[in-house]
Every structure is written in C-alpha cells, then in structure tokens.
C-alpha cells in the first residue's frame, strides 16, 4: 500500500463520519445541504483515487 492509498482511505472515512454527523445534527438548511454535497464529492473523489491506484498495481 502506498501512502496515497492510506491517506485516501482516511479521507474517505472522515468524509463518511462528517456526512452522517452533519445529517443528524443540523436541520434542513442551505448550510446542511452544502456541507453534505461537499462531503459527498470528497468521498467520491477519495474512492475514485483508491480504485485507480488499486488498478495500477
């Protein structure tokens, strides 16, 4: 495993934790929607990075 994959896994986990924390804590608002979109994009980016790096081995 390279450092990039390890960091992507950590980032993916943090994005999931923050996603569900934000979804549970805040009521429906623009801030909640924006935060959920950002966490979702970060999680998807980290997952794509993991897959691309795994396929390159």
N, C-alpha and C. Protein backbone atom coordinates (compact mmCIF):
# COMPACT_ATOMS: atom_id res chain seq x y z
N UNK A 1 0.83 -1.18 0.00
CA UNK A 1 0.00 0.00 0.00
C UNK A 1 0.88 1.25 0.00
N UNK A 2 0.53 2.15 -0.82
CA UNK A 2 1.28 3.40 -0.84
C UNK A 2 0.65 4.39 0.14
N UNK A 3 1.38 5.43 0.40
CA UNK A 3 0.88 6.47 1.31
C UNK A 3 -0.38 7.12 0.75
N UNK A 4 -0.46 7.27 -0.56
CA UNK A 4 -1.63 7.90 -1.17
C UNK A 4 -2.90 7.09 -0.91
N UNK A 5 -2.81 5.79 -1.00
CA UNK A 5 -3.99 4.95 -0.74
C UNK A 5 -4.39 5.03 0.73
N UNK A 6 -3.41 5.01 1.62
CA UNK A 6 -3.71 5.09 3.05
C UNK A 6 -4.38 6.43 3.38
N UNK A 7 -3.85 7.51 2.83
CA UNK A 7 -4.44 8.82 3.08
C UNK A 7 -5.84 8.94 2.46
N UNK A 8 -6.05 8.32 1.32
CA UNK A 8 -7.37 8.33 0.70
C UNK A 8 -8.38 7.55 1.53
N UNK A 9 -7.95 6.46 2.13
CA UNK A 9 -8.84 5.69 3.00
C UNK A 9 -9.21 6.50 4.23
N UNK A 10 -8.24 7.19 4.81
CA UNK A 10 -8.52 8.04 5.97
C UNK A 10 -9.48 9.18 5.59
N UNK A 11 -9.25 9.80 4.43
CA UNK A 11 -10.12 10.87 3.96
C UNK A 11 -11.53 10.36 3.69
N UNK A 12 -11.64 9.17 3.13
CA UNK A 12 -12.96 8.58 2.87
C UNK A 12 -13.70 8.34 4.17
N UNK A 13 -13.01 7.80 5.16
CA UNK A 13 -13.64 7.57 6.46
C UNK A 13 -14.07 8.86 7.13
N UNK A 14 -13.23 9.88 7.07
CA UNK A 14 -13.57 11.17 7.67
C UNK A 14 -14.77 11.79 6.97
N UNK A 15 -14.83 11.67 5.65
CA UNK A 15 -15.96 12.23 4.90
C UNK A 15 -17.27 11.54 5.29
N UNK A 16 -17.23 10.21 5.46
CA UNK A 16 -18.44 9.49 5.87
C UNK A 16 -18.87 9.89 7.27
N UNK A 17 -17.92 9.99 8.20
CA UNK A 17 -18.26 10.38 9.57
C UNK A 17 -18.86 11.78 9.59
N UNK A 18 -18.22 12.72 8.91
CA UNK A 18 -18.75 14.08 8.88
C UNK A 18 -20.09 14.16 8.17
N UNK A 19 -20.27 13.35 7.11
CA UNK A 19 -21.53 13.34 6.38
C UNK A 19 -22.68 12.95 7.31
N UNK A 20 -22.53 11.84 8.02
CA UNK A 20 -23.62 11.37 8.87
C UNK A 20 -23.78 12.23 10.12
N UNK A 21 -22.68 12.81 10.62
CA UNK A 21 -22.78 13.73 11.75
C UNK A 21 -23.57 14.98 11.36
N UNK A 22 -23.26 15.53 10.20
CA UNK A 22 -23.96 16.72 9.72
C UNK A 22 -25.42 16.41 9.43
N UNK A 23 -25.68 15.26 8.82
CA UNK A 23 -27.06 14.89 8.51
C UNK A 23 -27.90 14.73 9.77
N UNK A 24 -27.28 14.27 10.85
CA UNK A 24 -28.01 14.04 12.09
C UNK A 24 -28.15 15.32 12.91
N UNK A 25 -27.14 16.16 12.93
CA UNK A 25 -27.11 17.30 13.85
C UNK A 25 -27.92 18.50 13.36
N UNK A 26 -27.84 18.81 12.09
CA UNK A 26 -28.46 20.05 11.60
C UNK A 26 -29.80 19.79 10.95
N UNK A 27 -30.67 20.78 11.04
CA UNK A 27 -31.95 20.70 10.35
C UNK A 27 -31.74 21.10 8.89
N UNK A 28 -32.76 20.95 8.10
CA UNK A 28 -32.65 21.26 6.68
C UNK A 28 -32.37 22.75 6.49
N UNK A 29 -31.24 23.03 5.88
CA UNK A 29 -30.88 24.42 5.59
C UNK A 29 -29.87 24.41 4.45
N UNK A 30 -29.52 25.59 4.01
CA UNK A 30 -28.55 25.71 2.93
C UNK A 30 -27.18 25.23 3.37
N UNK A 31 -26.83 25.49 4.63
CA UNK A 31 -25.52 25.07 5.14
C UNK A 31 -25.43 23.55 5.18
N UNK A 32 -26.50 22.91 5.64
CA UNK A 32 -26.51 21.44 5.69
C UNK A 32 -26.40 20.85 4.30
N UNK A 33 -27.17 21.37 3.37
CA UNK A 33 -27.14 20.85 2.00
C UNK A 33 -25.77 21.04 1.38
N UNK A 34 -25.19 22.20 1.56
CA UNK A 34 -23.86 22.47 1.00
C UNK A 34 -22.81 21.56 1.62
N UNK A 35 -22.86 21.39 2.93
CA UNK A 35 -21.90 20.52 3.61
C UNK A 35 -22.03 19.08 3.14
N UNK A 36 -23.25 18.59 2.99
CA UNK A 36 -23.46 17.21 2.54
C UNK A 36 -22.95 17.01 1.12
N UNK A 37 -23.16 18.00 0.26
CA UNK A 37 -22.66 17.90 -1.11
C UNK A 37 -21.13 17.87 -1.12
N UNK A 38 -20.51 18.73 -0.33
CA UNK A 38 -19.04 18.77 -0.29
C UNK A 38 -18.49 17.46 0.24
N UNK A 39 -19.07 16.95 1.33
CA UNK A 39 -18.59 15.67 1.89
C UNK A 39 -18.80 14.53 0.89
N UNK A 40 -19.90 14.56 0.17
CA UNK A 40 -20.15 13.53 -0.84
C UNK A 40 -19.14 13.57 -1.97
N UNK A 41 -18.82 14.77 -2.43
CA UNK A 41 -17.83 14.92 -3.51
C UNK A 41 -16.45 14.48 -3.04
N UNK A 42 -16.09 14.83 -1.82
CA UNK A 42 -14.79 14.41 -1.28
C UNK A 42 -14.73 12.89 -1.16
N UNK A 43 -15.81 12.27 -0.68
CA UNK A 43 -15.85 10.82 -0.54
C UNK A 43 -15.75 10.13 -1.90
N UNK A 44 -16.46 10.64 -2.89
CA UNK A 44 -16.40 10.05 -4.23
C UNK A 44 -15.00 10.20 -4.82
N UNK A 45 -14.40 11.37 -4.63
CA UNK A 45 -13.04 11.59 -5.12
C UNK A 45 -12.03 10.66 -4.47
N UNK A 46 -12.16 10.47 -3.17
CA UNK A 46 -11.24 9.56 -2.46
C UNK A 46 -11.45 8.12 -2.94
N UNK A 47 -12.70 7.73 -3.14
CA UNK A 47 -12.98 6.37 -3.60
C UNK A 47 -12.45 6.15 -5.01
N UNK A 48 -12.60 7.11 -5.88
CA UNK A 48 -12.06 7.00 -7.24
C UNK A 48 -10.55 6.90 -7.20
N UNK A 49 -9.91 7.69 -6.33
CA UNK A 49 -8.46 7.65 -6.20
C UNK A 49 -8.00 6.27 -5.73
N UNK A 50 -8.71 5.69 -4.77
CA UNK A 50 -8.36 4.35 -4.29
C UNK A 50 -8.49 3.32 -5.40
N UNK A 51 -9.56 3.39 -6.16
CA UNK A 51 -9.79 2.41 -7.23
C UNK A 51 -8.73 2.55 -8.32
N UNK A 52 -8.43 3.77 -8.73
CA UNK A 52 -7.43 3.98 -9.78
C UNK A 52 -6.06 3.49 -9.32
N UNK A 53 -5.70 3.79 -8.09
CA UNK A 53 -4.40 3.36 -7.59
C UNK A 53 -4.35 1.83 -7.43
N UNK A 54 -5.46 1.22 -7.03
CA UNK A 54 -5.50 -0.24 -6.87
C UNK A 54 -5.37 -0.93 -8.22
N UNK A 55 -5.99 -0.36 -9.26
CA UNK A 55 -5.91 -0.95 -10.59
C UNK A 55 -4.54 -0.76 -11.24
N UNK A 56 -3.78 0.21 -10.78
CA UNK A 56 -2.47 0.47 -11.39
C UNK A 56 -1.39 -0.46 -10.86
N UNK A 57 -1.68 -1.24 -9.82
CA UNK A 57 -0.67 -2.17 -9.30
C UNK A 57 -0.49 -3.35 -10.20
